[in-house]
Amino acid sequence: MESPDRNVSFLLHDVARLMRKRFEQNARSLKLTRSQYQVLAHLSRNDGIQQGSLAELIEVEPITLTRILDRLEEAGLVERRAHPTDRRIRQIHLTDKAHPLLEEIFAIAAVTRGQAFDGVSEADRDRLFALLSTIKANLLDRGTASTETSAGDRRASNG
């Protein structure tokens, strides 16, 4: 039986929670919520993404994302645009006003990572990143295989 003190899932959860908490402390002066930071950060990598896809990406309900986007739009940081060929689809874009704020967010994130990795060598950082990337890939592969197996099992049992 695995010792609760050596449970990697709990440790990863705690580290992620503490990093979010430290980031929020460091970013308090920006007057944004964690959800707003998250949306802006994802848009910096996926500008023009469809609203539904963004909700899936950040793992929130579409109505929750709508509220977050309403606030960001009121602040002049994002804009919703109609899709060029499907008027039912809304694409989300960063405004020019958002870019300097994103630079601040990423600078604060770098400070937070620096605090978290204080005393950790560059080689150990690289190794940790490689290990976590492998774990993530394993879980993504297993999730896909599990979903495919389940679907196959259902087809077989349903004739």
N, C-alpha and C. Protein backbone atom coordinates (compact mmCIF):
# COMPACT_ATOMS: atom_id res chain seq x y z
N MET A 1 0.85 -1.19 0.00
CA MET A 1 0.00 0.00 0.00
C MET A 1 0.89 1.24 0.00
N GLU A 2 0.54 2.19 -0.85
CA GLU A 2 1.32 3.43 -0.99
C GLU A 2 1.08 4.34 0.21
N SER A 3 2.17 4.88 0.74
CA SER A 3 2.07 5.80 1.86
C SER A 3 1.38 7.08 1.40
N PRO A 4 0.44 7.62 2.21
CA PRO A 4 -0.21 8.88 1.83
C PRO A 4 0.79 10.02 1.67
N ASP A 5 1.92 9.93 2.36
CA ASP A 5 2.94 10.98 2.24
C ASP A 5 3.68 10.91 0.91
N ARG A 6 3.57 9.80 0.19
CA ARG A 6 4.28 9.64 -1.07
C ARG A 6 3.32 9.46 -2.24
N ASN A 7 2.12 9.99 -2.13
CA ASN A 7 1.14 9.88 -3.19
C ASN A 7 1.37 11.01 -4.19
N VAL A 8 1.80 10.64 -5.39
CA VAL A 8 2.16 11.64 -6.39
C VAL A 8 0.97 12.49 -6.82
N SER A 9 -0.21 11.90 -6.84
CA SER A 9 -1.39 12.67 -7.23
C SER A 9 -1.67 13.80 -6.26
N PHE A 10 -1.60 13.49 -4.97
CA PHE A 10 -1.80 14.54 -3.96
C PHE A 10 -0.72 15.60 -4.04
N LEU A 11 0.51 15.15 -4.22
CA LEU A 11 1.63 16.09 -4.29
C LEU A 11 1.48 17.02 -5.50
N LEU A 12 1.16 16.47 -6.66
CA LEU A 12 0.97 17.30 -7.84
C LEU A 12 -0.17 18.29 -7.63
N HIS A 13 -1.25 17.83 -7.04
CA HIS A 13 -2.39 18.71 -6.77
C HIS A 13 -1.98 19.84 -5.83
N ASP A 14 -1.26 19.49 -4.76
CA ASP A 14 -0.83 20.51 -3.80
C ASP A 14 0.12 21.52 -4.42
N VAL A 15 1.06 21.04 -5.21
CA VAL A 15 2.01 21.95 -5.86
C VAL A 15 1.27 22.89 -6.82
N ALA A 16 0.35 22.35 -7.61
CA ALA A 16 -0.41 23.19 -8.55
C ALA A 16 -1.25 24.21 -7.79
N ARG A 17 -1.89 23.78 -6.71
CA ARG A 17 -2.71 24.69 -5.90
C ARG A 17 -1.85 25.80 -5.29
N LEU A 18 -0.70 25.43 -4.75
CA LEU A 18 0.18 26.43 -4.13
C LEU A 18 0.76 27.39 -5.17
N MET A 19 1.05 26.90 -6.37
CA MET A 19 1.54 27.79 -7.42
C MET A 19 0.45 28.77 -7.84
N ARG A 20 -0.79 28.30 -7.96
CA ARG A 20 -1.90 29.21 -8.28
C ARG A 20 -2.06 30.26 -7.20
N LYS A 21 -2.00 29.81 -5.94
CA LYS A 21 -2.15 30.73 -4.81
C LYS A 21 -1.04 31.77 -4.81
N ARG A 22 0.21 31.34 -5.04
CA ARG A 22 1.33 32.29 -5.05
C ARG A 22 1.20 33.25 -6.23
N PHE A 23 0.78 32.73 -7.39
CA PHE A 23 0.58 33.61 -8.54
C PHE A 23 -0.45 34.68 -8.20
N GLU A 24 -1.56 34.27 -7.60
CA GLU A 24 -2.61 35.22 -7.24
C GLU A 24 -2.10 36.27 -6.27
N GLN A 25 -1.26 35.86 -5.32
CA GLN A 25 -0.66 36.82 -4.39
C GLN A 25 0.22 37.81 -5.14
N ASN A 26 1.02 37.29 -6.06
CA ASN A 26 1.94 38.14 -6.82
C ASN A 26 1.20 39.06 -7.79
N ALA A 27 0.02 38.63 -8.24
CA ALA A 27 -0.72 39.37 -9.27
C ALA A 27 -1.87 40.20 -8.70
N ARG A 28 -1.95 40.30 -7.40
CA ARG A 28 -3.07 40.98 -6.76
C ARG A 28 -3.32 42.38 -7.33
N SER A 29 -2.25 43.08 -7.67
CA SER A 29 -2.39 44.47 -8.14
C SER A 29 -3.08 44.58 -9.50
N LEU A 30 -3.17 43.48 -10.24
CA LEU A 30 -3.80 43.53 -11.57
C LEU A 30 -5.32 43.55 -11.51
N LYS A 31 -5.89 43.19 -10.38
CA LYS A 31 -7.35 43.27 -10.16
C LYS A 31 -8.15 42.38 -11.12
N LEU A 32 -7.60 41.21 -11.41
CA LEU A 32 -8.32 40.22 -12.23
C LEU A 32 -8.53 38.96 -11.41
N THR A 33 -9.52 38.17 -11.78
CA THR A 33 -9.74 36.88 -11.12
C THR A 33 -8.86 35.82 -11.78
N ARG A 34 -8.72 34.69 -11.09
CA ARG A 34 -7.95 33.58 -11.64
C ARG A 34 -8.54 33.14 -12.98
N SER A 35 -9.86 33.09 -13.06
CA SER A 35 -10.52 32.68 -14.31
C SER A 35 -10.20 33.66 -15.44
N GLN A 36 -10.17 34.94 -15.12
CA GLN A 36 -9.85 35.94 -16.15
C GLN A 36 -8.41 35.79 -16.63
N TYR A 37 -7.47 35.55 -15.69
CA TYR A 37 -6.07 35.30 -16.10
C TYR A 37 -6.01 34.11 -17.03
N GLN A 38 -6.73 33.06 -16.62
CA GLN A 38 -6.69 31.81 -17.38
C GLN A 38 -7.21 32.01 -18.80
N VAL A 39 -8.32 32.70 -18.93
CA VAL A 39 -8.89 32.95 -20.25
C VAL A 39 -7.92 33.77 -21.10
N LEU A 40 -7.36 34.83 -20.55
CA LEU A 40 -6.42 35.67 -21.29
C LEU A 40 -5.19 34.87 -21.71
N ALA A 41 -4.67 34.06 -20.81
CA ALA A 41 -3.48 33.26 -21.14
C ALA A 41 -3.79 32.27 -22.27
N HIS A 42 -4.94 31.61 -22.21
CA HIS A 42 -5.29 30.67 -23.28
C HIS A 42 -5.54 31.40 -24.60
N LEU A 43 -6.13 32.58 -24.53
CA LEU A 43 -6.35 33.34 -25.76
C LEU A 43 -5.03 33.79 -26.38
N SER A 44 -4.02 34.02 -25.55
CA SER A 44 -2.72 34.43 -26.10
C SER A 44 -2.14 33.34 -26.99
N ARG A 45 -2.53 32.09 -26.74
CA ARG A 45 -2.06 30.96 -27.55
C ARG A 45 -3.08 30.51 -28.59
N ASN A 46 -4.33 30.96 -28.41
CA ASN A 46 -5.42 30.49 -29.28
C ASN A 46 -6.33 31.64 -29.68
N ASP A 47 -5.77 32.76 -30.07
CA ASP A 47 -6.59 33.92 -30.42
C ASP A 47 -7.52 33.55 -31.56
N GLY A 48 -8.79 33.90 -31.41
CA GLY A 48 -9.78 33.59 -32.44
C GLY A 48 -10.47 32.26 -32.23
N ILE A 49 -10.19 31.61 -31.11
CA ILE A 49 -10.81 30.32 -30.82
C ILE A 49 -12.32 30.50 -30.65
N GLN A 50 -13.07 29.45 -30.97
CA GLN A 50 -14.51 29.49 -30.78
C GLN A 50 -14.83 29.44 -29.30
N GLN A 51 -15.87 30.11 -28.91
CA GLN A 51 -16.23 30.20 -27.50
C GLN A 51 -16.43 28.83 -26.87
N GLY A 52 -17.11 27.93 -27.55
CA GLY A 52 -17.33 26.57 -27.02
C GLY A 52 -16.04 25.81 -26.84
N SER A 53 -15.13 25.95 -27.78
CA SER A 53 -13.83 25.26 -27.68
C SER A 53 -13.02 25.81 -26.52
N LEU A 54 -13.10 27.12 -26.30
CA LEU A 54 -12.39 27.73 -25.18
C LEU A 54 -12.95 27.21 -23.85
N ALA A 55 -14.25 27.07 -23.75
CA ALA A 55 -14.86 26.53 -22.53
C ALA A 55 -14.34 25.13 -22.25
N GLU A 56 -14.26 24.30 -23.28
CA GLU A 56 -13.72 22.94 -23.12
C GLU A 56 -12.26 22.99 -22.70
N LEU A 57 -11.49 23.86 -23.32
CA LEU A 57 -10.05 23.96 -23.04
C LEU A 57 -9.78 24.33 -21.59
N ILE A 58 -10.55 25.25 -21.04
CA ILE A 58 -10.30 25.67 -19.66
C ILE A 58 -11.20 24.92 -18.67
N GLU A 59 -11.97 23.97 -19.19
CA GLU A 59 -12.80 23.08 -18.37
C GLU A 59 -13.80 23.83 -17.50
N VAL A 60 -14.59 24.69 -18.15
CA VAL A 60 -15.70 25.37 -17.48
C VAL A 60 -16.94 25.21 -18.34
N GLU A 61 -18.07 25.37 -17.71
CA GLU A 61 -19.33 25.32 -18.44
C GLU A 61 -19.43 26.55 -19.36
N PRO A 62 -20.06 26.41 -20.52
CA PRO A 62 -20.18 27.55 -21.43
C PRO A 62 -20.80 28.80 -20.79
N ILE A 63 -21.78 28.63 -19.91
CA ILE A 63 -22.41 29.79 -19.28
C ILE A 63 -21.42 30.50 -18.35
N THR A 64 -20.56 29.74 -17.70
CA THR A 64 -19.53 30.32 -16.83
C THR A 64 -18.56 31.14 -17.67
N LEU A 65 -18.14 30.58 -18.80
CA LEU A 65 -17.23 31.30 -19.69
C LEU A 65 -17.90 32.57 -20.22
N THR A 66 -19.18 32.49 -20.52
CA THR A 66 -19.90 33.67 -21.01
C THR A 66 -19.79 34.81 -20.01
N ARG A 67 -19.97 34.50 -18.73
CA ARG A 67 -19.87 35.54 -17.69
C ARG A 67 -18.45 36.12 -17.61
N ILE A 68 -17.46 35.26 -17.69
CA ILE A 68 -16.06 35.72 -17.64
C ILE A 68 -15.78 36.62 -18.84
N LEU A 69 -16.23 36.19 -20.01
CA LEU A 69 -16.01 36.97 -21.23
C LEU A 69 -16.76 38.30 -21.18
N ASP A 70 -17.95 38.30 -20.59
CA ASP A 70 -18.70 39.55 -20.44
C ASP A 70 -17.85 40.58 -19.69
N ARG A 71 -17.25 40.15 -18.59
CA ARG A 71 -16.42 41.06 -17.79
C ARG A 71 -15.17 41.51 -18.53
N LEU A 72 -14.53 40.57 -19.22
CA LEU A 72 -13.32 40.92 -19.97
C LEU A 72 -13.66 41.85 -21.14
N GLU A 73 -14.82 41.63 -21.74
CA GLU A 73 -15.25 42.49 -22.84
C GLU A 73 -15.56 43.90 -22.32
N GLU A 74 -16.23 43.98 -21.17
CA GLU A 74 -16.51 45.28 -20.56
C GLU A 74 -15.23 46.04 -20.23
N ALA A 75 -14.19 45.30 -19.87
CA ALA A 75 -12.89 45.91 -19.56
C ALA A 75 -12.10 46.24 -20.82
N GLY A 76 -12.62 45.86 -21.98
CA GLY A 76 -11.95 46.16 -23.25
C GLY A 76 -10.78 45.24 -23.56
N LEU A 77 -10.75 44.05 -22.95
CA LEU A 77 -9.62 43.14 -23.13
C LEU A 77 -9.86 42.07 -24.19
N VAL A 78 -11.12 41.74 -24.44
CA VAL A 78 -11.46 40.75 -25.47
C VAL A 78 -12.65 41.27 -26.27
N GLU A 79 -12.81 40.68 -27.44
CA GLU A 79 -14.01 40.96 -28.23
C GLU A 79 -14.48 39.67 -28.87
N ARG A 80 -15.80 39.57 -28.95
CA ARG A 80 -16.42 38.43 -29.62
C ARG A 80 -16.72 38.85 -31.04
N ARG A 81 -16.37 37.99 -31.97
CA ARG A 81 -16.65 38.29 -33.38
C ARG A 81 -17.41 37.11 -33.98
N ALA A 82 -18.26 37.42 -34.92
CA ALA A 82 -18.98 36.37 -35.63
C ALA A 82 -18.00 35.59 -36.49
N HIS A 83 -18.24 34.30 -36.60
CA HIS A 83 -17.45 33.44 -37.47
C HIS A 83 -17.71 33.87 -38.91
N PRO A 84 -16.70 33.85 -39.78
CA PRO A 84 -16.90 34.34 -41.14
C PRO A 84 -17.94 33.56 -41.96
N THR A 85 -18.14 32.27 -41.64
CA THR A 85 -19.07 31.49 -42.46
C THR A 85 -20.25 30.92 -41.68
N ASP A 86 -20.23 31.02 -40.34
CA ASP A 86 -21.31 30.47 -39.53
C ASP A 86 -21.67 31.47 -38.44
N ARG A 87 -22.75 32.18 -38.63
CA ARG A 87 -23.09 33.28 -37.71
C ARG A 87 -23.47 32.80 -36.33
N ARG A 88 -23.70 31.50 -36.14
CA ARG A 88 -24.02 30.96 -34.81
C ARG A 88 -22.77 30.88 -33.93
N ILE A 89 -21.62 30.85 -34.56
CA ILE A 89 -20.35 30.66 -33.85
C ILE A 89 -19.74 32.02 -33.52
N ARG A 90 -19.30 32.15 -32.26
CA ARG A 90 -18.61 33.36 -31.82
C ARG A 90 -17.14 33.01 -31.61
N GLN A 91 -16.27 33.81 -32.17
CA GLN A 91 -14.83 33.64 -31.97
C GLN A 91 -14.36 34.73 -31.01
N ILE A 92 -13.41 34.36 -30.17
CA ILE A 92 -12.94 35.27 -29.14
C ILE A 92 -11.54 35.77 -29.51
N HIS A 93 -11.37 37.07 -29.47
CA HIS A 93 -10.10 37.69 -29.83
C HIS A 93 -9.64 38.64 -28.72
N LEU A 94 -8.34 38.68 -28.54
CA LEU A 94 -7.75 39.67 -27.64
C LEU A 94 -7.78 41.03 -28.31
N THR A 95 -7.92 42.06 -27.53
CA THR A 95 -7.82 43.42 -28.08
C THR A 95 -6.40 43.92 -27.88
N ASP A 96 -6.09 45.04 -28.50
CA ASP A 96 -4.76 45.64 -28.32
C ASP A 96 -4.50 45.99 -26.86
N LYS A 97 -5.56 46.35 -26.16
CA LYS A 97 -5.43 46.71 -24.74
C LYS A 97 -4.96 45.52 -23.90
N ALA A 98 -5.25 44.30 -24.32
CA ALA A 98 -4.91 43.11 -23.55
C ALA A 98 -3.41 42.77 -23.59
N HIS A 99 -2.74 43.13 -24.66
CA HIS A 99 -1.35 42.70 -24.84
C HIS A 99 -0.39 43.21 -23.76
N PRO A 100 -0.42 44.48 -23.37
CA PRO A 100 0.46 44.91 -22.27
C PRO A 100 0.12 44.20 -20.95
N LEU A 101 -1.16 43.94 -20.73
CA LEU A 101 -1.57 43.23 -19.53
C LEU A 101 -1.04 41.80 -19.54
N LEU A 102 -1.10 41.16 -20.71
CA LEU A 102 -0.55 39.80 -20.83
C LEU A 102 0.95 39.78 -20.54
N GLU A 103 1.66 40.80 -20.98
CA GLU A 103 3.09 40.87 -20.67
C GLU A 103 3.29 40.91 -19.16
N GLU A 104 2.46 41.66 -18.45
CA GLU A 104 2.54 41.70 -16.99
C GLU A 104 2.21 40.33 -16.39
N ILE A 105 1.17 39.71 -16.90
CA ILE A 105 0.76 38.39 -16.40
C ILE A 105 1.89 37.39 -16.58
N PHE A 106 2.51 37.37 -17.76
CA PHE A 106 3.58 36.41 -18.01
C PHE A 106 4.83 36.74 -17.19
N ALA A 107 5.08 38.01 -16.94
CA ALA A 107 6.21 38.39 -16.08
C ALA A 107 5.96 37.91 -14.65
N ILE A 108 4.73 38.07 -14.17
CA ILE A 108 4.39 37.61 -12.82
C ILE A 108 4.47 36.08 -12.76
N ALA A 109 4.04 35.42 -13.81
CA ALA A 109 4.14 33.96 -13.86
C ALA A 109 5.60 33.51 -13.81
N ALA A 110 6.49 34.24 -14.48
CA ALA A 110 7.91 33.91 -14.45
C ALA A 110 8.48 34.08 -13.04
N VAL A 111 8.08 35.15 -12.36
CA VAL A 111 8.51 35.37 -10.97
C VAL A 111 8.02 34.23 -10.09
N THR A 112 6.77 33.84 -10.28
CA THR A 112 6.17 32.77 -9.48
C THR A 112 6.92 31.46 -9.72
N ARG A 113 7.22 31.15 -10.99
CA ARG A 113 7.99 29.94 -11.28
C ARG A 113 9.37 30.01 -10.65
N GLY A 114 9.98 31.19 -10.69
CA GLY A 114 11.29 31.37 -10.06
C GLY A 114 11.23 31.09 -8.57
N GLN A 115 10.18 31.56 -7.92
CA GLN A 115 10.01 31.28 -6.49
C GLN A 115 9.82 29.79 -6.24
N ALA A 116 9.03 29.16 -7.07
CA ALA A 116 8.76 27.73 -6.91
C ALA A 116 10.01 26.89 -7.14
N PHE A 117 10.84 27.28 -8.08
CA PHE A 117 12.01 26.49 -8.44
C PHE A 117 13.30 26.96 -7.79
N ASP A 118 13.17 27.81 -6.78
CA ASP A 118 14.35 28.28 -6.06
C ASP A 118 15.12 27.08 -5.51
N GLY A 119 16.40 27.00 -5.84
CA GLY A 119 17.23 25.90 -5.35
C GLY A 119 17.17 24.64 -6.19
N VAL A 120 16.39 24.65 -7.26
CA VAL A 120 16.30 23.49 -8.15
C VAL A 120 17.17 23.76 -9.37
N SER A 121 18.08 22.86 -9.65
CA SER A 121 19.00 23.06 -10.77
C SER A 121 18.26 23.05 -12.11
N GLU A 122 18.88 23.65 -13.10
CA GLU A 122 18.30 23.67 -14.46
C GLU A 122 18.13 22.25 -14.99
N ALA A 123 19.09 21.38 -14.69
CA ALA A 123 19.00 19.98 -15.15
C ALA A 123 17.81 19.29 -14.49
N ASP A 124 17.60 19.53 -13.19
CA ASP A 124 16.45 18.93 -12.51
C ASP A 124 15.13 19.49 -13.04
N ARG A 125 15.12 20.78 -13.37
CA ARG A 125 13.91 21.38 -13.96
C ARG A 125 13.59 20.72 -15.29
N ASP A 126 14.61 20.55 -16.12
CA ASP A 126 14.42 19.91 -17.42
C ASP A 126 13.92 18.48 -17.25
N ARG A 127 14.50 17.76 -16.30
CA ARG A 127 14.09 16.37 -16.06
C ARG A 127 12.64 16.31 -15.57
N LEU A 128 12.29 17.21 -14.65
CA LEU A 128 10.91 17.26 -14.15
C LEU A 128 9.93 17.53 -15.29
N PHE A 129 10.27 18.49 -16.13
CA PHE A 129 9.41 18.82 -17.27
C PHE A 129 9.25 17.59 -18.18
N ALA A 130 10.35 16.90 -18.44
CA ALA A 130 10.30 15.71 -19.30
C ALA A 130 9.44 14.62 -18.66
N LEU A 131 9.61 14.41 -17.36
CA LEU A 131 8.83 13.38 -16.67
C LEU A 131 7.34 13.72 -16.67
N LEU A 132 7.01 14.95 -16.35
CA LEU A 132 5.60 15.34 -16.34
C LEU A 132 5.00 15.28 -17.74
N SER A 133 5.78 15.62 -18.75
CA SER A 133 5.29 15.52 -20.13
C SER A 133 5.00 14.07 -20.50
N THR A 134 5.85 13.16 -20.06
CA THR A 134 5.64 11.74 -20.32
C THR A 134 4.39 11.24 -19.60
N ILE A 135 4.24 11.63 -18.33
CA ILE A 135 3.05 11.24 -17.56
C ILE A 135 1.80 11.75 -18.25
N LYS A 136 1.82 13.01 -18.69
CA LYS A 136 0.67 13.59 -19.37
C LYS A 136 0.36 12.80 -20.65
N ALA A 137 1.37 12.50 -21.44
CA ALA A 137 1.17 11.74 -22.67
C ALA A 137 0.60 10.35 -22.36
N ASN A 138 1.12 9.70 -21.32
CA ASN A 138 0.60 8.38 -20.93
C ASN A 138 -0.88 8.46 -20.60
N LEU A 139 -1.26 9.47 -19.83
CA LEU A 139 -2.66 9.60 -19.43
C LEU A 139 -3.55 9.95 -20.62
N LEU A 140 -3.06 10.79 -21.51
CA LEU A 140 -3.83 11.12 -22.71
C LEU A 140 -4.00 9.89 -23.59
N ASP A 141 -2.92 9.11 -23.76
CA ASP A 141 -2.99 7.89 -24.57
C ASP A 141 -3.94 6.88 -23.94
N ARG A 142 -3.83 6.70 -22.64
CA ARG A 142 -4.68 5.73 -21.94
C ARG A 142 -6.14 6.18 -22.01
N GLY A 143 -6.38 7.48 -21.90
CA GLY A 143 -7.74 8.00 -21.97
C GLY A 143 -8.36 7.72 -23.31
N THR A 144 -7.57 7.92 -24.37
CA THR A 144 -8.07 7.66 -25.72
C THR A 144 -8.30 6.17 -25.91
N ALA A 145 -7.35 5.35 -25.47
CA ALA A 145 -7.48 3.90 -25.62
C ALA A 145 -8.66 3.40 -24.80
N SER A 146 -8.83 3.93 -23.59
CA SER A 146 -9.94 3.53 -22.74
C SER A 146 -11.27 3.90 -23.36
N THR A 147 -11.36 5.09 -23.92
CA THR A 147 -12.59 5.54 -24.57
C THR A 147 -12.89 4.67 -25.78
N GLU A 148 -11.85 4.38 -26.57
CA GLU A 148 -12.06 3.54 -27.75
C GLU A 148 -12.47 2.13 -27.35
N THR A 149 -11.84 1.58 -26.29
CA THR A 149 -12.17 0.25 -25.82
C THR A 149 -13.62 0.21 -25.32
N SER A 150 -14.00 1.20 -24.55
CA SER A 150 -15.36 1.26 -24.02
C SER A 150 -16.37 1.33 -25.16
N ALA A 151 -16.09 2.15 -26.15
CA ALA A 151 -16.99 2.28 -27.30
C ALA A 151 -17.06 0.95 -28.05
N GLY A 152 -15.92 0.29 -28.21
CA GLY A 152 -15.88 -1.00 -28.88
C GLY A 152 -16.65 -2.05 -28.10
N ASP A 153 -16.50 -2.04 -26.77
CA ASP A 153 -17.23 -2.97 -25.93
C ASP A 153 -18.74 -2.75 -26.06
N ARG A 154 -19.16 -1.48 -26.09
CA ARG A 154 -20.59 -1.19 -26.20
C ARG A 154 -21.11 -1.66 -27.56
N ARG A 155 -20.32 -1.43 -28.63
CA ARG A 155 -20.76 -1.89 -29.96
C ARG A 155 -20.89 -3.41 -29.98
N ALA A 156 -19.91 -4.10 -29.41
CA ALA A 156 -19.93 -5.57 -29.41
C ALA A 156 -21.12 -6.09 -28.60
N SER A 157 -21.40 -5.49 -27.46
CA SER A 157 -22.50 -5.97 -26.63
C SER A 157 -23.87 -5.60 -27.19
N ASN A 158 -23.89 -4.56 -28.02
CA ASN A 158 -25.16 -4.13 -28.62
C ASN A 158 -25.40 -4.76 -29.98
N GLY A 159 -24.48 -5.59 -30.40
CA GLY A 159 -24.68 -6.28 -31.65
C GLY A 159 -24.05 -5.53 -32.74
